[in-house]
Amino acid sequence: MIQTTRSYRGMVTAPHHSAARAGLRVLEDGGNAIEAMVAAASTIAAVYPHMNGLGGDNFWLIHTPGKDVIGIDACGGAAGNADIDFYKNQGLDQIPSRGPLAALTVAGAVSGWQEALRVSTENWGGKLPLARLLEDAAGYAKNGAAVTKTLATNAALKIGEMGNAPGFRETFLIGGKLPEEGQRFSQPRLAATLDQLAKDGLDSFYRGDLSRAIAADLERAGSPLRLADLERHHALRVNPLSVDVAGHKVFNMPPPTQGLASLLLLGIYDRLGITEADGFEYVHAIVEASKRAFRIRDRHVSDPAYMDVDPATFLSAASLDAMAADIDPATALPWPDASTKGDTVWLGAVDSEGRAVSFIQSVYWEFGSGTVLDDTGLTWQNRGVSFSLNESHHNSLTPHRRPFHTIQPALAQLSDGRVMPYGTMGGEGQPQTQAMVFSRHVMHGQGLQQAVNAPRWLLGRTWGAESTSLKVESRLGDDVISQLKSAGHNIEVTGEYDEVMGHAGALVHHPDGLIEGAADPRGDGQAAGF
């Protein structure tokens, strides 16, 4: 079994080892956790391009000892040209999931890096040059990285649905053929874009020569996005949501993310009196808490500018008590309800000062819209497909509106002084896996890596999966699986370490300076410390 990684001076965990190593190198060079995260985030965009990229969005939770946690929302809004009539006049009753019409929201990822580095400079004395932070990413994009199994598998599975997505085949096929595990995969146009960002600054992605090239690329491809949409975009600093769980303070992002669902799930679970992990009672409790949390999410969470309720009201003790009381300890609530897909990477960093970052970055579905821009080599997200073309829907499409996001990073300040950034990729699986990792380690005493290794399950969809059953890894055991079926759960048994469960990770910083780290054996990553 993979063991928990431990060190004292700094650590980065990521679902690809090259990204973890890029972040660690920055820490070794005297950089802080934010600078390390920018290095890791840009690198994973180059080596895991089917899961995230500069053409996507990201969110940050930033912990400074003795200070309030800072949230950064780097979610791009819909194009000014994109409204319901824009699609209906083309004979469409829903937004296409692939191709240029799916590329309808601004990519906020680079603005998230920019805002986080502003926090680094203002509060942490960060001073490493941008070129240093982007050098690993540019190197892998230029010189190539080995194709991972997950990239090869997803390219083979998804190429048939890319249709008219411009640039997809030219970018992701190698010599005109599907990529194979271990082949060298390079992205020279992306490398040039990273070099230009290093030279001109991150703001040039939205306001500068690079932004004009991106806008021209998008318009030529057939996207409704224009230069004005890029120019109006800025990342936002926001106050995270939080809830008390077993005496610990847990943080997550506010809408438009599903961070509320993650906090609801843990708050409900805390009230159910479960004393041990991995038995029927444990699995059933988290699954049933997930259902209650998802119902609140699906009815209310959207762009906060369009919401008529304060999400924090759902986190009150009375609200959580009522949802917990609604759970039958022996019988499953009928399911499914609404569900979503997602494709993402979560990364964490802790430096020698105990400053911590929980970070998540995504292009939504695997390969996003599939649209790869001609000059800049950017694979653009399809996050806007979460909008409805029904005017009465709570997440209906409106110009500049920000889309609902499944992605959200988690961070906890524990009652004994430890700090724990943690998270995962995986659509609807994110709140569930977050709850498993946190509850197993913090509430039930499992080792950090053991909590990530342990058998997982997933209610609903995640990236690459269409069914809404309760998917459980076979390692959960025949007895537990049988009890879940008897309770009315619609069970689908998966492999022992199934990638459908996502790639989780966690770090824990102790008051004495010890840092513990875990990476998911279902991915290609590691927790790298020194």
Protein backbone atom coordinates (compact mmCIF):
# COMPACT_ATOMS: atom_id res chain seq x y z
CA MET A 1 0.00 0.00 0.00
CA ILE A 2 1.17 3.55 -0.72
CA GLN A 3 2.16 5.24 2.55
CA THR A 4 1.52 8.79 3.74
CA THR A 5 4.30 11.15 2.63
CA ARG A 6 5.86 13.29 5.38
CA SER A 7 8.23 16.26 5.40
CA TYR A 8 8.76 19.58 7.18
CA ARG A 9 9.76 22.27 4.69
CA GLY A 10 7.05 22.06 2.06
CA MET A 11 4.87 19.74 0.02
CA VAL A 12 2.72 19.68 -3.12
CA THR A 13 0.23 17.00 -4.11
CA ALA A 14 -1.18 16.67 -7.61
CA PRO A 15 -2.78 13.98 -9.80
CA HIS A 16 0.25 14.04 -12.13
CA HIS A 17 3.77 13.61 -10.78
CA SER A 18 5.25 16.26 -13.09
CA ALA A 19 2.92 18.90 -11.67
CA ALA A 20 3.78 17.92 -8.08
CA ARG A 21 7.48 18.06 -8.95
CA ALA A 22 7.11 21.48 -10.64
CA GLY A 23 5.49 22.90 -7.52
CA LEU A 24 8.06 21.31 -5.24
CA ARG A 25 10.92 22.81 -7.27
CA VAL A 26 9.45 26.26 -6.65
CA LEU A 27 9.29 25.59 -2.91
CA GLU A 28 12.91 24.39 -2.99
CA ASP A 29 13.84 27.63 -4.75
CA GLY A 30 12.36 29.66 -1.88
CA GLY A 31 8.91 30.22 -3.34
CA ASN A 32 5.72 30.11 -1.31
CA ALA A 33 2.66 27.87 -1.59
CA ILE A 34 0.84 30.16 -4.04
CA GLU A 35 3.86 30.41 -6.34
CA ALA A 36 4.27 26.64 -6.14
CA MET A 37 0.62 26.21 -7.06
CA VAL A 38 0.90 28.42 -10.15
CA ALA A 39 3.85 26.29 -11.29
CA ALA A 40 1.94 23.08 -10.61
CA ALA A 41 -1.30 24.37 -12.16
CA SER A 42 0.37 25.51 -15.37
CA THR A 43 2.30 22.24 -15.61
CA ILE A 44 -0.71 20.03 -15.16
CA ALA A 45 -2.42 22.00 -17.91
CA ALA A 46 0.36 20.80 -20.21
CA VAL A 47 0.61 17.17 -19.07
CA TYR A 48 -3.08 16.41 -18.32
CA PRO A 49 -4.70 18.42 -21.16
CA HIS A 50 -7.87 16.33 -21.29
CA MET A 51 -8.76 17.34 -17.72
CA ASN A 52 -7.85 21.01 -17.47
CA GLY A 53 -6.08 23.87 -19.16
CA LEU A 54 -5.65 27.59 -19.72
CA GLY A 55 -8.96 27.48 -21.59
CA GLY A 56 -10.84 26.54 -18.41
CA ASP A 57 -11.68 27.96 -14.98
CA ASN A 58 -10.28 27.56 -11.48
CA PHE A 59 -11.03 28.25 -7.82
CA TRP A 60 -8.73 28.79 -4.84
CA LEU A 61 -8.86 28.63 -1.05
CA ILE A 62 -5.83 30.29 0.54
CA HIS A 63 -4.95 29.86 4.23
CA THR A 64 -2.56 32.18 6.06
CA PRO A 65 -1.96 31.32 9.74
CA GLY A 66 -3.90 33.71 11.96
CA LYS A 67 -5.77 35.29 9.02
CA ASP A 68 -9.14 34.79 7.35
CA VAL A 69 -9.25 32.23 4.55
CA ILE A 70 -9.33 33.89 1.12
CA GLY A 71 -11.38 32.51 -1.75
CA ILE A 72 -10.65 33.27 -5.41
CA ASP A 73 -13.38 32.74 -7.96
CA ALA A 74 -11.90 32.56 -11.47
CA CYS A 75 -15.08 31.58 -13.28
CA GLY A 76 -15.70 33.16 -16.68
CA GLY A 77 -19.12 34.42 -17.72
CA ALA A 78 -21.11 33.76 -20.86
CA ALA A 79 -20.40 35.68 -24.05
CA GLY A 80 -22.24 38.93 -24.60
CA ASN A 81 -23.53 37.42 -27.86
CA ALA A 82 -24.81 34.27 -26.16
CA ASP A 83 -28.44 34.31 -25.19
CA ILE A 84 -31.35 31.91 -25.60
CA ASP A 85 -32.37 33.34 -28.98
CA PHE A 86 -28.79 32.98 -30.30
CA TYR A 87 -29.16 29.20 -30.01
CA LYS A 88 -32.86 28.84 -30.78
CA ASN A 89 -32.47 30.87 -33.99
CA GLN A 90 -30.07 28.13 -35.10
CA GLY A 91 -32.73 25.49 -34.51
CA LEU A 92 -31.26 24.30 -31.21
CA ASP A 93 -33.25 23.46 -28.08
CA GLN A 94 -30.11 22.93 -25.99
CA ILE A 95 -26.52 24.12 -26.09
CA PRO A 96 -24.32 21.67 -28.02
CA SER A 97 -21.90 19.83 -25.75
CA ARG A 98 -18.96 19.92 -28.18
CA GLY A 99 -17.67 22.22 -30.87
CA PRO A 100 -17.43 26.01 -31.09
CA LEU A 101 -20.99 26.69 -29.92
CA ALA A 102 -20.08 24.92 -26.68
CA ALA A 103 -17.18 27.36 -26.22
CA LEU A 104 -19.41 30.15 -24.90
CA THR A 105 -17.86 31.18 -21.57
CA VAL A 106 -14.67 33.12 -20.88
CA ALA A 107 -11.75 31.04 -19.60
CA GLY A 108 -10.96 32.33 -16.12
CA ALA A 109 -8.02 30.09 -15.19
CA VAL A 110 -5.21 32.52 -16.00
CA SER A 111 -7.00 35.31 -14.11
CA GLY A 112 -7.09 33.00 -11.09
CA TRP A 113 -3.32 32.55 -11.27
CA GLN A 114 -2.98 36.34 -11.58
CA GLU A 115 -5.18 37.13 -8.58
CA ALA A 116 -3.50 34.47 -6.43
CA LEU A 117 -0.07 35.89 -7.27
CA ARG A 118 -1.39 39.30 -6.23
CA VAL A 119 -2.26 37.79 -2.84
CA SER A 120 1.23 36.26 -2.76
CA THR A 121 2.91 39.59 -3.41
CA GLU A 122 0.70 41.64 -1.10
CA ASN A 123 0.55 39.26 1.87
CA TRP A 124 3.35 36.72 1.59
CA GLY A 125 6.23 38.64 0.04
CA GLY A 126 6.20 36.50 -3.08
CA LYS A 127 8.78 37.57 -5.64
CA LEU A 128 9.69 34.70 -7.95
CA PRO A 129 9.43 35.88 -11.59
CA LEU A 130 6.52 34.65 -13.67
CA ALA A 131 8.89 33.13 -16.22
CA ARG A 132 10.28 30.89 -13.47
CA LEU A 133 6.80 29.77 -12.44
CA LEU A 134 5.77 28.86 -16.00
CA GLU A 135 9.04 27.28 -17.15
CA ASP A 136 8.14 23.66 -16.40
CA ALA A 137 4.78 23.98 -18.16
CA ALA A 138 6.36 25.59 -21.21
CA GLY A 139 9.05 22.93 -21.26
CA TYR A 140 6.59 20.03 -21.23
CA ALA A 141 4.40 21.69 -23.86
CA LYS A 142 7.40 22.30 -26.14
CA ASN A 143 9.44 19.14 -25.60
CA GLY A 144 6.61 16.76 -24.86
CA ALA A 145 5.33 14.64 -22.00
CA ALA A 146 4.53 10.94 -21.96
CA VAL A 147 0.90 10.16 -22.78
CA THR A 148 -0.85 8.82 -19.67
CA LYS A 149 -3.28 5.95 -19.71
CA THR A 150 -6.15 8.29 -18.84
CA LEU A 151 -5.32 10.63 -21.76
CA ALA A 152 -5.08 7.73 -24.22
CA THR A 153 -8.29 6.13 -22.94
CA ASN A 154 -10.31 9.33 -23.05
CA ALA A 155 -9.07 10.30 -26.49
CA ALA A 156 -10.24 6.93 -27.81
CA LEU A 157 -13.59 7.13 -26.01
CA LYS A 158 -14.44 10.72 -26.90
CA ILE A 159 -13.13 11.29 -30.41
CA GLY A 160 -16.39 10.07 -31.92
CA GLU A 161 -18.44 12.79 -30.24
CA MET A 162 -16.18 15.70 -31.16
CA GLY A 163 -17.95 16.25 -34.48
CA ASN A 164 -17.00 19.66 -35.83
CA ALA A 165 -14.77 20.66 -32.93
CA PRO A 166 -12.03 22.65 -34.70
CA GLY A 167 -8.46 21.63 -33.98
CA PHE A 168 -9.21 18.56 -31.86
CA ARG A 169 -7.78 15.91 -34.16
CA GLU A 170 -4.83 18.05 -35.20
CA THR A 171 -3.91 18.54 -31.54
CA PHE A 172 -4.67 15.25 -29.82
CA LEU A 173 -3.88 12.70 -32.53
CA ILE A 174 -0.22 11.80 -32.99
CA GLY A 175 0.76 11.18 -36.59
CA GLY A 176 -2.94 11.01 -37.45
CA LYS A 177 -3.55 8.19 -34.96
CA LEU A 178 -4.99 8.03 -31.48
CA PRO A 179 -2.34 8.62 -28.81
CA GLU A 180 -0.93 5.57 -27.08
CA GLU A 181 0.25 5.33 -23.51
CA GLY A 182 3.91 6.35 -23.25
CA GLN A 183 4.10 8.23 -26.56
CA ARG A 184 5.60 11.72 -26.58
CA PHE A 185 2.85 14.35 -26.75
CA SER A 186 3.85 17.96 -27.37
CA GLN A 187 1.88 21.19 -27.80
CA PRO A 188 4.17 23.77 -29.44
CA ARG A 189 1.43 26.40 -29.84
CA LEU A 190 0.59 26.15 -26.13
CA ALA A 191 4.30 26.46 -25.35
CA ALA A 192 4.42 29.69 -27.35
CA THR A 193 1.37 31.00 -25.50
CA LEU A 194 2.99 30.23 -22.13
CA ASP A 195 6.18 31.98 -23.26
CA GLN A 196 4.15 35.02 -24.29
CA LEU A 197 2.40 35.09 -20.91
CA ALA A 198 5.78 34.91 -19.17
CA LYS A 199 7.00 37.87 -21.26
CA ASP A 200 3.90 40.10 -21.28
CA GLY A 201 2.25 39.14 -17.97
CA LEU A 202 -0.87 37.16 -17.15
CA ASP A 203 -3.20 40.10 -17.79
CA SER A 204 -2.28 39.90 -21.48
CA PHE A 205 -4.57 36.86 -21.72
CA TYR A 206 -7.51 39.28 -21.33
CA ARG A 207 -6.16 42.72 -22.26
CA GLY A 208 -3.22 42.78 -24.69
CA ASP A 209 -1.76 41.29 -27.83
CA LEU A 210 -2.43 37.75 -26.64
CA SER A 211 -6.08 38.51 -25.88
CA ARG A 212 -6.55 39.84 -29.40
CA ALA A 213 -5.07 36.66 -30.83
CA ILE A 214 -7.32 34.53 -28.60
CA ALA A 215 -10.41 36.52 -29.58
CA ALA A 216 -9.59 36.19 -33.26
CA ASP A 217 -9.05 32.45 -32.78
CA LEU A 218 -12.43 32.08 -31.06
CA GLU A 219 -14.35 34.06 -33.67
CA ARG A 220 -12.69 32.18 -36.53
CA ALA A 221 -13.60 28.86 -34.87
CA GLY A 222 -17.27 29.88 -34.59
CA SER A 223 -17.53 30.66 -30.87
CA PRO A 224 -19.82 33.51 -29.76
CA LEU A 225 -17.02 34.89 -27.54
CA ARG A 226 -15.40 38.19 -28.55
CA LEU A 227 -12.56 40.42 -27.34
CA ALA A 228 -14.95 42.51 -25.24
CA ASP A 229 -15.86 39.41 -23.24
CA LEU A 230 -12.23 38.78 -22.40
CA GLU A 231 -11.60 42.42 -21.55
CA ARG A 232 -14.48 42.62 -19.04
CA HIS A 233 -13.36 39.54 -17.12
CA HIS A 234 -11.58 39.66 -13.75
CA ALA A 235 -11.17 37.01 -11.06
CA LEU A 236 -13.00 37.76 -7.82
CA ARG A 237 -11.86 37.55 -4.22
CA VAL A 238 -14.73 36.08 -2.23
CA ASN A 239 -15.54 35.03 1.31
CA PRO A 240 -15.71 31.23 1.52
CA LEU A 241 -18.64 29.41 3.06
CA SER A 242 -17.91 27.46 6.23
CA VAL A 243 -19.54 25.02 8.64
CA ASP A 244 -18.61 23.43 11.95
CA VAL A 245 -18.10 19.67 11.65
CA ALA A 246 -17.27 17.74 14.83
CA GLY A 247 -15.63 20.84 16.28
CA HIS A 248 -13.56 21.60 13.17
CA LYS A 249 -14.12 24.49 10.75
CA VAL A 250 -14.51 23.37 7.15
CA PHE A 251 -14.37 25.84 4.24
CA ASN A 252 -15.54 25.67 0.66
CA MET A 253 -16.42 28.02 -2.19
CA PRO A 254 -19.77 29.85 -2.47
CA PRO A 255 -21.96 29.72 -5.60
CA PRO A 256 -21.70 29.41 -8.53
CA THR A 257 -19.82 26.31 -7.33
CA GLN A 258 -21.36 23.29 -5.60
CA GLY A 259 -19.22 24.02 -2.53
CA LEU A 260 -22.45 24.45 -0.59
CA ALA A 261 -23.31 20.80 -1.29
CA SER A 262 -19.95 19.65 0.08
CA LEU A 263 -20.49 21.53 3.33
CA LEU A 264 -24.11 20.40 3.61
CA LEU A 265 -23.06 16.78 3.16
CA LEU A 266 -20.50 16.92 5.97
CA GLY A 267 -22.80 18.92 8.23
CA ILE A 268 -25.58 16.35 7.80
CA TYR A 269 -23.24 13.39 8.21
CA ASP A 270 -21.85 14.83 11.44
CA ARG A 271 -25.34 14.61 12.94
CA LEU A 272 -25.93 10.92 12.15
CA GLY A 273 -23.79 9.44 14.93
CA ILE A 274 -21.66 7.14 12.77
CA THR A 275 -18.71 5.78 14.74
CA GLU A 276 -16.80 3.65 12.22
CA ALA A 277 -15.83 4.02 8.56
CA ASP A 278 -16.52 1.65 5.65
CA GLY A 279 -19.38 -0.45 7.05
CA PHE A 280 -22.94 -0.29 5.72
CA GLU A 281 -23.94 2.46 8.16
CA TYR A 282 -21.05 4.66 7.05
CA VAL A 283 -21.65 4.27 3.32
CA HIS A 284 -25.44 4.58 3.63
CA ALA A 285 -25.12 7.73 5.76
CA ILE A 286 -22.87 9.55 3.29
CA VAL A 287 -24.99 8.48 0.30
CA GLU A 288 -28.21 9.66 1.93
CA ALA A 289 -26.61 12.90 3.10
CA SER A 290 -25.43 13.42 -0.50
CA LYS A 291 -28.99 13.18 -1.78
CA ARG A 292 -30.23 15.86 0.61
CA ALA A 293 -27.31 18.13 -0.23
CA PHE A 294 -27.79 17.67 -3.99
CA ARG A 295 -31.47 18.57 -3.77
CA ILE A 296 -30.60 21.93 -2.22
CA ARG A 297 -27.84 22.46 -4.78
CA ASP A 298 -30.01 21.62 -7.77
CA ARG A 299 -32.84 23.88 -6.69
CA HIS A 300 -30.86 26.94 -5.72
CA VAL A 301 -27.18 27.14 -6.75
CA SER A 302 -26.42 29.39 -9.70
CA ASP A 303 -24.61 32.64 -10.40
CA PRO A 304 -25.03 34.39 -7.02
CA ALA A 305 -26.16 37.56 -8.81
CA TYR A 306 -29.28 35.65 -9.83
CA MET A 307 -29.97 33.80 -6.56
CA ASP A 308 -32.79 34.89 -4.25
CA VAL A 309 -31.52 33.07 -1.15
CA ASP A 310 -28.37 33.36 0.95
CA PRO A 311 -26.61 29.96 0.67
CA ALA A 312 -25.34 30.29 4.25
CA THR A 313 -28.92 29.89 5.54
CA PHE A 314 -28.85 26.23 4.53
CA LEU A 315 -25.82 25.71 6.77
CA SER A 316 -27.61 26.77 9.96
CA ALA A 317 -27.83 24.21 12.74
CA ALA A 318 -31.62 24.04 12.41
CA SER A 319 -31.44 23.40 8.66
CA LEU A 320 -28.79 20.69 9.02
CA ASP A 321 -30.70 19.08 11.91
CA ALA A 322 -33.85 18.87 9.78
CA MET A 323 -32.06 17.30 6.82
CA ALA A 324 -30.32 14.77 9.07
CA ALA A 325 -33.63 13.86 10.73
CA ASP A 326 -35.10 13.13 7.29
CA ILE A 327 -32.65 10.25 6.72
CA ASP A 328 -33.86 6.70 7.29
CA PRO A 329 -30.90 4.71 8.68
CA ALA A 330 -32.05 1.52 6.94
CA THR A 331 -33.73 2.59 3.69
CA ALA A 332 -32.51 4.52 0.65
CA LEU A 333 -34.31 7.59 -0.64
CA PRO A 334 -35.48 6.96 -4.25
CA TRP A 335 -32.98 8.33 -6.77
CA PRO A 336 -31.87 9.73 -9.25
CA ASP A 337 -32.53 13.43 -9.29
CA ALA A 338 -30.74 15.89 -11.59
CA SER A 339 -27.07 15.22 -12.20
CA THR A 340 -24.04 16.67 -13.91
CA LYS A 341 -20.76 15.66 -15.52
CA GLY A 342 -17.35 17.06 -14.90
CA ASP A 343 -13.63 16.78 -15.60
CA THR A 344 -11.13 18.37 -13.30
CA VAL A 345 -7.85 18.35 -11.37
CA TRP A 346 -7.37 19.16 -7.66
CA LEU A 347 -3.97 20.18 -6.28
CA GLY A 348 -2.74 21.25 -2.85
CA ALA A 349 0.37 23.01 -1.53
CA VAL A 350 1.79 23.82 1.90
CA ASP A 351 4.98 25.80 2.52
CA SER A 352 7.36 26.04 5.47
CA GLU A 353 5.37 28.91 7.01
CA GLY A 354 2.25 26.76 7.24
CA ARG A 355 0.55 28.69 4.45
CA ALA A 356 -1.74 26.41 2.48
CA VAL A 357 -3.56 26.38 -0.84
CA SER A 358 -6.44 24.21 -1.98
CA PHE A 359 -6.88 24.57 -5.74
CA ILE A 360 -9.07 23.11 -8.48
CA GLN A 361 -8.97 23.66 -12.26
CA SER A 362 -11.20 22.34 -15.01
CA VAL A 363 -12.34 22.43 -18.63
CA TYR A 364 -15.63 20.76 -17.50
CA TRP A 365 -16.09 17.60 -19.62
CA GLU A 366 -13.01 15.69 -20.78
CA PHE A 367 -11.36 17.88 -23.45
CA GLY A 368 -13.95 20.61 -22.76
CA SER A 369 -15.63 21.76 -25.95
CA GLY A 370 -12.97 19.93 -27.96
CA THR A 371 -12.29 23.22 -29.72
CA VAL A 372 -8.55 23.96 -29.90
CA LEU A 373 -7.66 27.49 -31.01
CA ASP A 374 -5.51 27.78 -34.14
CA ASP A 375 -2.82 30.26 -33.15
CA THR A 376 -2.71 29.89 -29.36
CA GLY A 377 -3.23 26.13 -28.99
CA LEU A 378 -5.78 26.58 -26.18
CA THR A 379 -8.37 23.87 -25.60
CA TRP A 380 -11.50 25.79 -24.64
CA GLN A 381 -13.91 24.67 -21.93
CA ASN A 382 -17.57 23.76 -22.40
CA ARG A 383 -18.70 24.91 -18.96
CA GLY A 384 -21.54 26.86 -20.54
CA VAL A 385 -23.43 23.69 -21.47
CA SER A 386 -24.70 23.72 -17.89
CA PHE A 387 -26.93 26.66 -18.87
CA SER A 388 -30.56 25.98 -19.77
CA LEU A 389 -32.31 27.44 -22.82
CA ASN A 390 -35.52 27.47 -20.77
CA GLU A 391 -36.15 31.03 -19.57
CA SER A 392 -37.87 29.82 -16.40
CA HIS A 393 -34.97 27.57 -15.35
CA HIS A 394 -32.97 28.79 -12.33
CA ASN A 395 -29.78 28.51 -14.43
CA SER A 396 -31.05 29.91 -17.75
CA LEU A 397 -28.62 31.37 -20.26
CA THR A 398 -28.14 35.14 -20.11
CA PRO A 399 -25.25 37.18 -21.57
CA HIS A 400 -22.34 37.50 -19.12
CA ARG A 401 -23.99 35.20 -16.58
CA ARG A 402 -21.58 32.87 -14.80
CA PRO A 403 -22.32 29.13 -15.11
CA PHE A 404 -22.92 26.60 -12.35
CA HIS A 405 -19.70 24.82 -11.38
CA THR A 406 -19.28 21.32 -10.01
CA ILE A 407 -15.67 22.10 -9.10
CA GLN A 408 -14.77 23.39 -5.64
CA PRO A 409 -11.71 23.07 -3.41
CA ALA A 410 -11.98 22.23 0.30
CA LEU A 411 -9.92 23.28 3.29
CA ALA A 412 -10.33 22.62 7.01
CA GLN A 413 -8.92 24.25 10.12
CA LEU A 414 -8.91 21.46 12.70
CA SER A 415 -9.53 22.02 16.40
CA ASP A 416 -6.01 20.89 17.35
CA GLY A 417 -4.35 23.48 15.11
CA ARG A 418 -3.78 21.34 12.04
CA VAL A 419 -4.74 22.71 8.61
CA MET A 420 -5.97 20.39 5.87
CA PRO A 421 -6.38 21.35 2.19
CA TYR A 422 -8.09 18.49 0.34
CA GLY A 423 -10.15 17.76 -2.74
CA THR A 424 -10.74 15.71 -5.87
CA MET A 425 -11.89 15.80 -9.45
CA GLY A 426 -15.04 14.01 -10.56
CA GLY A 427 -18.28 15.95 -11.15
CA GLU A 428 -20.92 14.89 -8.65
CA GLY A 429 -18.33 12.71 -6.97
CA GLN A 430 -16.45 15.72 -5.61
CA PRO A 431 -18.60 16.43 -2.51
CA GLN A 432 -18.87 12.71 -1.79
CA THR A 433 -15.15 11.97 -2.04
CA GLN A 434 -14.33 15.09 -0.02
CA ALA A 435 -16.65 13.78 2.70
CA MET A 436 -15.01 10.34 2.63
CA VAL A 437 -11.46 11.69 2.87
CA PHE A 438 -12.30 14.19 5.63
CA SER A 439 -14.47 11.86 7.70
CA ARG A 440 -12.12 8.89 7.44
CA HIS A 441 -9.04 10.87 8.42
CA VAL A 442 -10.36 13.52 10.82
CA MET A 443 -13.46 11.92 12.35
CA HIS A 444 -12.54 8.21 12.25
CA GLY A 445 -8.77 8.31 12.67
CA GLN A 446 -7.55 6.67 9.47
CA GLY A 447 -4.09 7.62 8.18
CA LEU A 448 -4.17 10.29 5.48
CA GLN A 449 -3.02 8.07 2.60
CA GLN A 450 -5.24 5.24 3.89
CA ALA A 451 -8.23 7.61 3.75
CA VAL A 452 -7.46 8.33 0.07
CA ASN A 453 -6.69 4.68 -0.80
CA ALA A 454 -9.82 3.29 0.87
CA PRO A 455 -12.72 1.94 -1.23
CA ARG A 456 -14.96 4.65 -2.61
CA TRP A 457 -18.38 4.99 -4.14
CA LEU A 458 -20.17 7.52 -6.29
CA LEU A 459 -23.83 8.45 -6.47
CA GLY A 460 -24.67 9.97 -9.84
CA ARG A 461 -22.43 10.95 -12.74
CA THR A 462 -18.82 11.88 -12.96
CA TRP A 463 -16.46 12.53 -15.87
CA GLY A 464 -16.72 9.77 -18.47
CA ALA A 465 -19.75 8.09 -16.85
CA GLU A 466 -23.37 8.38 -17.94
CA SER A 467 -25.25 6.26 -15.38
CA THR A 468 -26.77 7.69 -12.20
CA SER A 469 -26.55 4.50 -10.15
CA LEU A 470 -24.60 4.11 -6.91
CA LYS A 471 -21.24 2.94 -8.24
CA VAL A 472 -19.12 1.12 -5.64
CA GLU A 473 -15.61 -0.24 -5.88
CA SER A 474 -15.54 -4.01 -5.49
CA ARG A 475 -13.13 -3.69 -2.54
CA LEU A 476 -16.03 -2.38 -0.47
CA GLY A 477 -16.87 -6.06 0.16
CA ASP A 478 -19.72 -8.43 -0.63
CA ASP A 479 -21.41 -8.02 2.76
CA VAL A 480 -21.60 -4.23 2.56
CA ILE A 481 -22.70 -4.33 -1.08
CA SER A 482 -25.44 -6.83 -0.23
CA GLN A 483 -26.71 -4.66 2.63
CA LEU A 484 -26.77 -1.60 0.37
CA LYS A 485 -28.84 -3.48 -2.20
CA SER A 486 -31.24 -4.65 0.50
CA ALA A 487 -31.67 -1.03 1.65
CA GLY A 488 -32.84 -0.09 -1.84
CA HIS A 489 -29.69 1.35 -3.41
CA ASN A 490 -29.28 0.78 -7.15
CA ILE A 491 -25.76 -0.72 -7.10
CA GLU A 492 -23.23 -0.90 -9.93
CA VAL A 493 -19.96 -2.60 -8.95
CA THR A 494 -16.79 -1.18 -10.52
CA GLY A 495 -13.10 -2.15 -10.48
CA GLU A 496 -10.98 -2.23 -7.35
CA TYR A 497 -9.34 1.18 -7.96
CA ASP A 498 -11.63 2.69 -10.57
CA GLU A 499 -10.75 6.02 -12.15
CA VAL A 500 -14.46 6.88 -12.31
CA MET A 501 -14.10 7.65 -8.57
CA GLY A 502 -11.79 10.55 -9.38
CA HIS A 503 -8.29 11.53 -8.31
CA ALA A 504 -8.29 12.73 -4.71
CA GLY A 505 -5.53 14.25 -2.63
CA ALA A 506 -4.90 15.91 0.71
CA LEU A 507 -2.26 17.65 2.79
CA VAL A 508 -2.18 18.21 6.55
CA HIS A 509 0.06 20.78 8.23
CA HIS A 510 0.70 20.16 11.94
CA PRO A 511 1.44 22.89 14.52
CA ASP A 512 5.00 21.53 14.96
CA GLY A 513 5.69 21.97 11.23
CA LEU A 514 5.16 18.40 10.08
CA ILE A 515 3.43 18.14 6.71
CA GLU A 516 1.61 14.95 5.67
CA GLY A 517 0.53 14.32 2.10
CA ALA A 518 -1.53 11.83 0.12
CA ALA A 519 -2.10 11.26 -3.60
CA ASP A 520 -4.62 8.98 -5.26
CA PRO A 521 -3.41 5.59 -6.58
CA ARG A 522 -6.19 5.89 -9.18
CA GLY A 523 -4.23 8.68 -10.91
CA ASP A 524 -0.71 9.49 -12.05
CA GLY A 525 0.23 11.77 -9.19
CA GLN A 526 2.23 11.98 -6.02
CA ALA A 527 2.66 14.00 -2.85
CA ALA A 528 6.13 15.51 -3.25
CA GLY A 529 7.82 17.02 -0.18
CA PHE A 530 11.21 18.10 1.09
